[in-house]
PDB file of all heavy atoms in Angstrom:
ATOM      1  N   GLN A   1      81.451 215.278  31.885  1.00  0.00           N
ATOM      2  CA  GLN A   1      82.394 216.099  31.127  1.00  0.00           C
ATOM      3  C   GLN A   1      83.624 216.474  31.953  1.00  0.00           C
ATOM      4  O   GLN A   1      83.505 216.982  33.064  1.00  0.00           O
ATOM      5  CB  GLN A   1      81.702 217.372  30.629  1.00  0.00           C
ATOM      6  CG  GLN A   1      80.606 217.092  29.607  1.00  0.00           C
ATOM      7  CD  GLN A   1      79.971 218.373  29.111  1.00  0.00           C
ATOM      8  OE1 GLN A   1      79.629 219.252  29.889  1.00  0.00           O
ATOM      9  NE2 GLN A   1      79.802 218.481  27.802  1.00  0.00           N
ATOM     10  N   ARG A   2      84.787 216.234  31.372  1.00  0.00           N
ATOM     11  CA  ARG A   2      86.043 216.692  31.942  1.00  0.00           C
ATOM     12  C   ARG A   2      86.212 218.183  31.645  1.00  0.00           C
ATOM     13  O   ARG A   2      85.684 218.703  30.668  1.00  0.00           O
ATOM     14  CB  ARG A   2      87.211 215.919  31.341  1.00  0.00           C
ATOM     15  CG  ARG A   2      87.295 214.472  31.822  1.00  0.00           C
ATOM     16  CD  ARG A   2      88.112 214.392  33.084  1.00  0.00           C
ATOM     17  NE  ARG A   2      88.219 213.031  33.597  1.00  0.00           N
ATOM     18  CZ  ARG A   2      88.946 212.722  34.651  1.00  0.00           C
ATOM     19  NH1 ARG A   2      89.627 213.652  35.293  1.00  0.00           N
ATOM     20  NH2 ARG A   2      88.990 211.473  35.086  1.00  0.00           N
ATOM     21  N   TYR A   3      86.975 218.856  32.498  1.00  0.00           N
ATOM     22  CA  TYR A   3      87.197 220.277  32.278  1.00  0.00           C
ATOM     23  C   TYR A   3      88.214 220.486  31.170  1.00  0.00           C
ATOM     24  O   TYR A   3      89.288 219.871  31.166  1.00  0.00           O
ATOM     25  CB  TYR A   3      87.691 220.957  33.560  1.00  0.00           C
ATOM     26  CG  TYR A   3      88.023 222.411  33.346  1.00  0.00           C
ATOM     27  CD1 TYR A   3      87.013 223.330  33.078  1.00  0.00           C
ATOM     28  CD2 TYR A   3      89.336 222.851  33.367  1.00  0.00           C
ATOM     29  CE1 TYR A   3      87.304 224.654  32.855  1.00  0.00           C
ATOM     30  CE2 TYR A   3      89.643 224.184  33.150  1.00  0.00           C
ATOM     31  CZ  TYR A   3      88.622 225.081  32.894  1.00  0.00           C
ATOM     32  OH  TYR A   3      88.915 226.391  32.660  1.00  0.00           O
ATOM     33  N   VAL A   4      87.873 221.332  30.222  1.00  0.00           N
ATOM     34  CA  VAL A   4      88.783 221.728  29.149  1.00  0.00           C
ATOM     35  C   VAL A   4      88.825 223.253  29.130  1.00  0.00           C
ATOM     36  O   VAL A   4      87.780 223.905  29.102  1.00  0.00           O
ATOM     37  CB  VAL A   4      88.308 221.197  27.780  1.00  0.00           C
ATOM     38  CG1 VAL A   4      89.240 221.670  26.673  1.00  0.00           C
ATOM     39  CG2 VAL A   4      88.209 219.682  27.799  1.00  0.00           C
ATOM     40  N   VAL A   5      90.007 223.822  29.150  1.00  0.00           N
ATOM     41  CA  VAL A   5      90.143 225.276  29.187  1.00  0.00           C
ATOM     42  C   VAL A   5      89.596 225.883  27.898  1.00  0.00           C
ATOM     43  O   VAL A   5      89.944 225.460  26.794  1.00  0.00           O
ATOM     44  CB  VAL A   5      91.620 225.694  29.366  1.00  0.00           C
ATOM     45  CG1 VAL A   5      91.751 227.218  29.300  1.00  0.00           C
ATOM     46  CG2 VAL A   5      92.156 225.167  30.690  1.00  0.00           C
ATOM     47  N   ASP A   6      88.712 226.858  28.030  1.00  0.00           N
ATOM     48  CA  ASP A   6      88.209 227.610  26.896  1.00  0.00           C
ATOM     49  C   ASP A   6      89.131 228.809  26.690  1.00  0.00           C
ATOM     50  O   ASP A   6      89.265 229.652  27.579  1.00  0.00           O
ATOM     51  CB  ASP A   6      86.782 228.089  27.168  1.00  0.00           C
ATOM     52  CG  ASP A   6      86.108 228.671  25.936  1.00  0.00           C
ATOM     53  OD1 ASP A   6      86.825 229.275  25.104  1.00  0.00           O
ATOM     54  OD2 ASP A   6      84.883 228.530  25.792  1.00  0.00           O
ATOM     55  N   PRO A   7      89.788 228.913  25.540  1.00  0.00           N
ATOM     56  CA  PRO A   7      90.761 229.997  25.350  1.00  0.00           C
ATOM     57  C   PRO A   7      90.123 231.372  25.199  1.00  0.00           C
ATOM     58  O   PRO A   7      90.805 232.395  25.342  1.00  0.00           O
ATOM     59  CB  PRO A   7      91.485 229.587  24.059  1.00  0.00           C
ATOM     60  CG  PRO A   7      90.482 228.754  23.320  1.00  0.00           C
ATOM     61  CD  PRO A   7      89.709 228.019  24.374  1.00  0.00           C
ATOM     62  N   GLU A   8      88.815 231.417  24.890  1.00  0.00           N
ATOM     63  CA  GLU A   8      88.148 232.702  24.715  1.00  0.00           C
ATOM     64  C   GLU A   8      88.027 233.417  26.055  1.00  0.00           C
ATOM     65  O   GLU A   8      87.537 232.840  27.030  1.00  0.00           O
ATOM     66  CB  GLU A   8      86.761 232.503  24.120  1.00  0.00           C
ATOM     67  CG  GLU A   8      86.767 232.086  22.659  1.00  0.00           C
ATOM     68  CD  GLU A   8      87.330 233.170  21.759  1.00  0.00           C
ATOM     69  OE1 GLU A   8      86.995 234.353  21.973  1.00  0.00           O
ATOM     70  OE2 GLU A   8      88.105 232.828  20.851  1.00  0.00           O
ATOM     71  N   PRO A   9      88.460 234.669  26.137  1.00  0.00           N
ATOM     72  CA  PRO A   9      88.375 235.394  27.413  1.00  0.00           C
ATOM     73  C   PRO A   9      86.928 235.760  27.739  1.00  0.00           C
ATOM     74  O   PRO A   9      86.095 235.920  26.849  1.00  0.00           O
ATOM     75  CB  PRO A   9      89.204 236.658  27.152  1.00  0.00           C
ATOM     76  CG  PRO A   9      89.103 236.869  25.671  1.00  0.00           C
ATOM     77  CD  PRO A   9      89.055 235.488  25.072  1.00  0.00           C
ATOM     78  N   TYR A  10      86.642 235.853  29.027  1.00  0.00           N
ATOM     79  CA  TYR A  10      85.345 236.343  29.460  1.00  0.00           C
ATOM     80  C   TYR A  10      85.263 237.840  29.203  1.00  0.00           C
ATOM     81  O   TYR A  10      86.133 238.604  29.628  1.00  0.00           O
ATOM     82  CB  TYR A  10      85.155 236.115  30.967  1.00  0.00           C
ATOM     83  CG  TYR A  10      84.646 234.758  31.378  1.00  0.00           C
ATOM     84  CD1 TYR A  10      85.449 233.884  32.092  1.00  0.00           C
ATOM     85  CD2 TYR A  10      83.351 234.378  31.082  1.00  0.00           C
ATOM     86  CE1 TYR A  10      84.985 232.645  32.493  1.00  0.00           C
ATOM     87  CE2 TYR A  10      82.873 233.136  31.480  1.00  0.00           C
ATOM     88  CZ  TYR A  10      83.696 232.275  32.179  1.00  0.00           C
ATOM     89  OH  TYR A  10      83.223 231.061  32.576  1.00  0.00           O
ATOM     90  N   VAL A  11      84.234 238.264  28.503  1.00  0.00           N
ATOM     91  CA  VAL A  11      83.872 239.678  28.426  1.00  0.00           C
ATOM     92  C   VAL A  11      82.402 239.729  28.821  1.00  0.00           C
ATOM     93  O   VAL A  11      81.552 239.129  28.163  1.00  0.00           O
ATOM     94  CB  VAL A  11      84.100 240.271  27.028  1.00  0.00           C
ATOM     95  CG1 VAL A  11      83.778 241.772  27.034  1.00  0.00           C
ATOM     96  CG2 VAL A  11      85.539 240.046  26.578  1.00  0.00           C
ATOM     97  N   LEU A  12      82.090 240.415  29.904  1.00  0.00           N
ATOM     98  CA  LEU A  12      80.810 240.233  30.588  1.00  0.00           C
ATOM     99  C   LEU A  12      79.868 241.422  30.419  1.00  0.00           C
ATOM    100  O   LEU A  12      80.289 242.571  30.293  1.00  0.00           O
ATOM    101  CB  LEU A  12      81.056 239.991  32.077  1.00  0.00           C
ATOM    102  CG  LEU A  12      81.905 238.775  32.440  1.00  0.00           C
ATOM    103  CD1 LEU A  12      82.338 238.847  33.893  1.00  0.00           C
ATOM    104  CD2 LEU A  12      81.143 237.487  32.168  1.00  0.00           C
ATOM    105  N   PHE A  13      78.593 241.095  30.441  1.00  0.00           N
ATOM    106  CA  PHE A  13      77.532 242.099  30.472  1.00  0.00           C
ATOM    107  C   PHE A  13      76.329 241.463  31.156  1.00  0.00           C
ATOM    108  O   PHE A  13      75.948 240.338  30.828  1.00  0.00           O
ATOM    109  CB  PHE A  13      77.148 242.546  29.058  1.00  0.00           C
ATOM    110  CG  PHE A  13      76.016 243.535  29.027  1.00  0.00           C
ATOM    111  CD1 PHE A  13      76.242 244.882  29.229  1.00  0.00           C
ATOM    112  CD2 PHE A  13      74.712 243.114  28.791  1.00  0.00           C
ATOM    113  CE1 PHE A  13      75.197 245.797  29.202  1.00  0.00           C
ATOM    114  CE2 PHE A  13      73.662 244.012  28.768  1.00  0.00           C
ATOM    115  CZ  PHE A  13      73.905 245.362  28.972  1.00  0.00           C
ATOM    116  N   PHE A  14      75.742 242.183  32.101  1.00  0.00           N
ATOM    117  CA  PHE A  14      74.576 241.685  32.831  1.00  0.00           C
ATOM    118  C   PHE A  14      73.405 242.651  32.655  1.00  0.00           C
ATOM    119  O   PHE A  14      73.600 243.801  32.236  1.00  0.00           O
ATOM    120  CB  PHE A  14      74.924 241.508  34.313  1.00  0.00           C
ATOM    121  CG  PHE A  14      75.999 240.495  34.566  1.00  0.00           C
ATOM    122  CD1 PHE A  14      77.316 240.879  34.750  1.00  0.00           C
ATOM    123  CD2 PHE A  14      75.692 239.142  34.572  1.00  0.00           C
ATOM    124  CE1 PHE A  14      78.319 239.935  34.954  1.00  0.00           C
ATOM    125  CE2 PHE A  14      76.688 238.187  34.763  1.00  0.00           C
ATOM    126  CZ  PHE A  14      77.997 238.584  34.960  1.00  0.00           C
ATOM    127  N   PRO A  15      72.190 242.195  32.933  1.00  0.00           N
ATOM    128  CA  PRO A  15      71.038 243.094  32.795  1.00  0.00           C
ATOM    129  C   PRO A  15      71.287 244.420  33.507  1.00  0.00           C
ATOM    130  O   PRO A  15      71.676 244.426  34.685  1.00  0.00           O
ATOM    131  CB  PRO A  15      69.902 242.296  33.445  1.00  0.00           C
ATOM    132  CG  PRO A  15      70.290 240.858  33.233  1.00  0.00           C
ATOM    133  CD  PRO A  15      71.786 240.840  33.374  1.00  0.00           C
ATOM    134  N   PRO A  16      71.108 245.530  32.826  1.00  0.00           N
ATOM    135  CA  PRO A  16      71.413 246.834  33.440  1.00  0.00           C
ATOM    136  C   PRO A  16      70.683 247.076  34.754  1.00  0.00           C
ATOM    137  O   PRO A  16      71.206 247.777  35.634  1.00  0.00           O
ATOM    138  CB  PRO A  16      70.966 247.833  32.363  1.00  0.00           C
ATOM    139  CG  PRO A  16      71.106 247.074  31.075  1.00  0.00           C
ATOM    140  CD  PRO A  16      70.719 245.664  31.411  1.00  0.00           C
ATOM    141  N   GLU A  17      69.482 246.487  34.910  1.00  0.00           N
ATOM    142  CA  GLU A  17      68.710 246.691  36.140  1.00  0.00           C
ATOM    143  C   GLU A  17      69.411 246.112  37.366  1.00  0.00           C
ATOM    144  O   GLU A  17      69.048 246.451  38.497  1.00  0.00           O
ATOM    145  CB  GLU A  17      67.321 246.074  35.996  1.00  0.00           C
ATOM    146  CG  GLU A  17      66.417 246.764  34.988  1.00  0.00           C
ATOM    147  CD  GLU A  17      66.733 246.404  33.550  1.00  0.00           C
ATOM    148  OE1 GLU A  17      67.543 245.468  33.324  1.00  0.00           O
ATOM    149  OE2 GLU A  17      66.191 247.064  32.634  1.00  0.00           O
ATOM    150  N   TRP A  18      70.389 245.249  37.173  1.00  0.00           N
ATOM    151  CA  TRP A  18      71.126 244.684  38.298  1.00  0.00           C
ATOM    152  C   TRP A  18      72.150 245.664  38.866  1.00  0.00           C
ATOM    153  O   TRP A  18      72.636 245.462  39.984  1.00  0.00           O
ATOM    154  CB  TRP A  18      71.842 243.399  37.876  1.00  0.00           C
ATOM    155  CG  TRP A  18      70.927 242.260  37.558  1.00  0.00           C
ATOM    156  CD1 TRP A  18      69.560 242.280  37.499  1.00  0.00           C
ATOM    157  CD2 TRP A  18      71.325 240.923  37.251  1.00  0.00           C
ATOM    158  NE1 TRP A  18      69.078 241.039  37.168  1.00  0.00           N
ATOM    159  CE2 TRP A  18      70.137 240.181  37.004  1.00  0.00           C
ATOM    160  CE3 TRP A  18      72.560 240.277  37.139  1.00  0.00           C
ATOM    161  CZ2 TRP A  18      70.157 238.836  36.668  1.00  0.00           C
ATOM    162  CZ3 TRP A  18      72.581 238.939  36.796  1.00  0.00           C
ATOM    163  CH2 TRP A  18      71.394 238.226  36.565  1.00  0.00           C
ATOM    164  N   HIS A  19      72.536 246.651  38.083  1.00  0.00           N
ATOM    165  CA  HIS A  19      73.464 247.697  38.535  1.00  0.00           C
ATOM    166  C   HIS A  19      74.805 247.122  39.007  1.00  0.00           C
ATOM    167  O   HIS A  19      75.365 247.561  40.007  1.00  0.00           O
ATOM    168  CB  HIS A  19      72.834 248.530  39.662  1.00  0.00           C
ATOM    169  CG  HIS A  19      71.529 249.167  39.287  1.00  0.00           C
ATOM    170  ND1 HIS A  19      71.426 250.166  38.339  1.00  0.00           N
ATOM    171  CD2 HIS A  19      70.265 248.913  39.703  1.00  0.00           C
ATOM    172  CE1 HIS A  19      70.157 250.522  38.198  1.00  0.00           C
ATOM    173  NE2 HIS A  19      69.422 249.774  39.003  1.00  0.00           N
ATOM    174  N   ILE A  20      75.319 246.138  38.249  1.00  0.00           N
ATOM    175  CA  ILE A  20      76.630 245.575  38.607  1.00  0.00           C
ATOM    176  C   ILE A  20      77.639 245.697  37.474  1.00  0.00           C
ATOM    177  O   ILE A  20      78.822 245.401  37.679  1.00  0.00           O
ATOM    178  CB  ILE A  20      76.523 244.090  39.038  1.00  0.00           C
ATOM    179  CG1 ILE A  20      76.009 243.208  37.896  1.00  0.00           C
ATOM    180  CG2 ILE A  20      75.644 243.952  40.276  1.00  0.00           C
ATOM    181  CD1 ILE A  20      76.060 241.716  38.218  1.00  0.00           C
ATOM    182  N   ASN A  21      77.227 246.146  36.298  1.00  0.00           N
ATOM    183  CA  ASN A  21      78.161 246.188  35.174  1.00  0.00           C
ATOM    184  C   ASN A  21      79.351 247.106  35.446  1.00  0.00           C
ATOM    185  O   ASN A  21      80.474 246.821  35.001  1.00  0.00           O
ATOM    186  CB  ASN A  21      77.441 246.613  33.892  1.00  0.00           C
ATOM    187  CG  ASN A  21      76.581 245.498  33.319  1.00  0.00           C
ATOM    188  OD1 ASN A  21      76.980 244.332  33.319  1.00  0.00           O
ATOM    189  ND2 ASN A  21      75.394 245.825  32.857  1.00  0.00           N
ATOM    190  N   ASP A  22      79.128 248.194  36.169  1.00  0.00           N
ATOM    191  CA  ASP A  22      80.238 249.100  36.476  1.00  0.00           C
ATOM    192  C   ASP A  22      81.245 248.474  37.428  1.00  0.00           C
ATOM    193  O   ASP A  22      82.363 248.992  37.569  1.00  0.00           O
ATOM    194  CB  ASP A  22      79.704 250.399  37.081  1.00  0.00           C
ATOM    195  CG  ASP A  22      79.000 251.273  36.051  1.00  0.00           C
ATOM    196  OD1 ASP A  22      79.163 251.010  34.844  1.00  0.00           O
ATOM    197  OD2 ASP A  22      78.280 252.207  36.454  1.00  0.00           O
ATOM    198  N   ASN A  23      80.872 247.365  38.079  1.00  0.00           N
ATOM    199  CA  ASN A  23      81.788 246.695  39.015  1.00  0.00           C
ATOM    200  C   ASN A  23      82.684 245.670  38.326  1.00  0.00           C
ATOM    201  O   ASN A  23      83.609 245.137  38.957  1.00  0.00           O
ATOM    202  CB  ASN A  23      80.994 246.005  40.124  1.00  0.00           C
ATOM    203  CG  ASN A  23      80.156 246.977  40.931  1.00  0.00           C
ATOM    204  OD1 ASN A  23      80.465 248.157  41.008  1.00  0.00           O
ATOM    205  ND2 ASN A  23      79.087 246.483  41.539  1.00  0.00           N
ATOM    206  N   ILE A  24      82.413 245.377  37.057  1.00  0.00           N
ATOM    207  CA  ILE A  24      83.235 244.420  36.319  1.00  0.00           C
ATOM    208  C   ILE A  24      84.581 245.065  36.006  1.00  0.00           C
ATOM    209  O   ILE A  24      84.633 246.241  35.629  1.00  0.00           O
ATOM    210  CB  ILE A  24      82.528 244.002  35.012  1.00  0.00           C
ATOM    211  CG1 ILE A  24      81.164 243.369  35.315  1.00  0.00           C
ATOM    212  CG2 ILE A  24      83.390 243.026  34.220  1.00  0.00           C
ATOM    213  CD1 ILE A  24      80.306 243.145  34.080  1.00  0.00           C
ATOM    214  N   PRO A  25      85.689 244.343  36.163  1.00  0.00           N
ATOM    215  CA  PRO A  25      87.002 244.944  35.896  1.00  0.00           C
ATOM    216  C   PRO A  25      87.130 245.487  34.476  1.00  0.00           C
ATOM    217  O   PRO A  25      86.539 244.948  33.527  1.00  0.00           O
ATOM    218  CB  PRO A  25      87.974 243.772  36.122  1.00  0.00           C
ATOM    219  CG  PRO A  25      87.234 242.825  37.008  1.00  0.00           C
ATOM    220  CD  PRO A  25      85.799 242.954  36.635  1.00  0.00           C
ATOM    221  N   GLU A  26      87.884 246.543  34.329  1.00  0.00           N
ATOM    222  CA  GLU A  26      88.164 247.109  33.012  1.00  0.00           C
ATOM    223  C   GLU A  26      88.783 246.037  32.115  1.00  0.00           C
ATOM    224  O   GLU A  26      89.609 245.246  32.552  1.00  0.00           O
ATOM    225  CB  GLU A  26      89.132 248.287  33.141  1.00  0.00           C
ATOM    226  CG  GLU A  26      88.509 249.526  33.749  1.00  0.00           C
ATOM    227  CD  GLU A  26      87.539 250.221  32.809  1.00  0.00           C
ATOM    228  OE1 GLU A  26      87.628 249.975  31.589  1.00  0.00           O
ATOM    229  OE2 GLU A  26      86.687 250.987  33.291  1.00  0.00           O
ATOM    230  N   GLY A  27      88.388 246.046  30.872  1.00  0.00           N
ATOM    231  CA  GLY A  27      88.871 245.049  29.930  1.00  0.00           C
ATOM    232  C   GLY A  27      88.058 243.781  29.919  1.00  0.00           C
ATOM    233  O   GLY A  27      88.191 242.972  28.996  1.00  0.00           O
ATOM    234  N   ARG A  28      87.212 243.576  30.930  1.00  0.00           N
ATOM    235  CA  ARG A  28      86.340 242.407  30.986  1.00  0.00           C
ATOM    236  C   ARG A  28      84.864 242.818  30.910  1.00  0.00           C
ATOM    237  O   ARG A  28      83.998 241.974  31.024  1.00  0.00           O
ATOM    238  CB  ARG A  28      86.573 241.626  32.279  1.00  0.00           C
ATOM    239  CG  ARG A  28      87.974 241.092  32.417  1.00  0.00           C
ATOM    240  CD  ARG A  28      88.269 240.010  31.396  1.00  0.00           C
ATOM    241  NE  ARG A  28      89.518 239.327  31.678  1.00  0.00           N
ATOM    242  CZ  ARG A  28      89.962 238.265  31.009  1.00  0.00           C
ATOM    243  NH1 ARG A  28      89.246 237.798  30.013  1.00  0.00           N
ATOM    244  NH2 ARG A  28      91.102 237.696  31.314  1.00  0.00           N
ATOM    245  N   ARG A  29      84.622 244.096  30.733  1.00  0.00           N
ATOM    246  CA  ARG A  29      83.257 244.623  30.734  1.00  0.00           C
ATOM    247  C   ARG A  29      82.886 245.055  29.325  1.00  0.00           C
ATOM    248  O   ARG A  29      83.621 245.779  28.666  1.00  0.00           O
ATOM    249  CB  ARG A  29      83.165 245.812  31.688  1.00  0.00           C
ATOM    250  CG  ARG A  29      81.795 246.468  31.719  1.00  0.00           C
ATOM    251  CD  ARG A  29      81.742 247.588  32.736  1.00  0.00           C
ATOM    252  NE  ARG A  29      82.628 248.689  32.401  1.00  0.00           N
ATOM    253  CZ  ARG A  29      83.558 249.171  33.189  1.00  0.00           C
ATOM    254  NH1 ARG A  29      83.788 248.626  34.373  1.00  0.00           N
ATOM    255  NH2 ARG A  29      84.305 250.192  32.811  1.00  0.00           N
ATOM    256  N   ARG A  30      81.722 244.621  28.870  1.00  0.00           N
ATOM    257  CA  ARG A  30      81.222 245.057  27.578  1.00  0.00           C
ATOM    258  C   ARG A  30      80.172 246.138  27.793  1.00  0.00           C
ATOM    259  O   ARG A  30      79.281 245.985  28.625  1.00  0.00           O
ATOM    260  CB  ARG A  30      80.611 243.895  26.795  1.00  0.00           C
ATOM    261  CG  ARG A  30      80.540 244.202  25.289  1.00  0.00           C
ATOM    262  CD  ARG A  30      79.956 243.068  24.494  1.00  0.00           C
ATOM    263  NE  ARG A  30      80.617 241.795  24.606  1.00  0.00           N
ATOM    264  CZ  ARG A  30      81.724 241.426  23.957  1.00  0.00           C
ATOM    265  NH1 ARG A  30      82.351 242.284  23.181  1.00  0.00           N
ATOM    266  NH2 ARG A  30      82.216 240.209  24.113  1.00  0.00           N
ATOM    267  N   ASP A  31      80.273 247.214  27.062  1.00  0.00           N
ATOM    268  CA  ASP A  31      79.296 248.291  27.159  1.00  0.00           C
ATOM    269  C   ASP A  31      78.089 247.972  26.297  1.00  0.00           C
ATOM    270  O   ASP A  31      78.203 247.317  25.246  1.00  0.00           O
ATOM    271  CB  ASP A  31      79.908 249.618  26.723  1.00  0.00           C
ATOM    272  CG  ASP A  31      81.022 250.076  27.659  1.00  0.00           C
ATOM    273  OD1 ASP A  31      80.891 249.802  28.869  1.00  0.00           O
ATOM    274  OD2 ASP A  31      82.002 250.674  27.182  1.00  0.00           O
ATOM    275  N   VAL A  32      76.920 248.452  26.722  1.00  0.00           N
ATOM    276  CA  VAL A  32      75.687 248.137  25.995  1.00  0.00           C
ATOM    277  C   VAL A  32      75.765 248.627  24.549  1.00  0.00           C
ATOM    278  O   VAL A  32      75.207 247.995  23.649  1.00  0.00           O
ATOM    279  CB  VAL A  32      74.459 248.733  26.731  1.00  0.00           C
ATOM    280  CG1 VAL A  32      74.460 250.253  26.694  1.00  0.00           C
ATOM    281  CG2 VAL A  32      73.162 248.173  26.155  1.00  0.00           C
ATOM    282  N   GLY A  33      76.457 249.713  24.308  1.00  0.00           N
ATOM    283  CA  GLY A  33      76.567 250.231  22.948  1.00  0.00           C
ATOM    284  C   GLY A  33      77.366 249.331  22.035  1.00  0.00           C
ATOM    285  O   GLY A  33      77.269 249.442  20.802  1.00  0.00           O
ATOM    286  N   ASP A  34      78.186 248.441  22.611  1.00  0.00           N
ATOM    287  CA  ASP A  34      79.014 247.534  21.793  1.00  0.00           C
ATOM    288  C   ASP A  34      78.272 246.278  21.370  1.00  0.00           C
ATOM    289  O   ASP A  34      78.714 245.572  20.473  1.00  0.00           O
ATOM    290  CB  ASP A  34      80.258 247.116  22.570  1.00  0.00           C
ATOM    291  CG  ASP A  34      81.185 248.284  22.865  1.00  0.00           C
ATOM    292  OD1 ASP A  34      81.181 249.247  22.077  1.00  0.00           O
ATOM    293  OD2 ASP A  34      81.887 248.232  23.883  1.00  0.00           O
TER     294      ASP A  34
END
């Protein structure tokens, strides 16, 4: 597969037990309530 840019922005969420969601930049972090 050749690389093709995906226009959809990354909005990230990781298992809460990892304790890294608060480190994701603002605007790229999804809250569990969402």
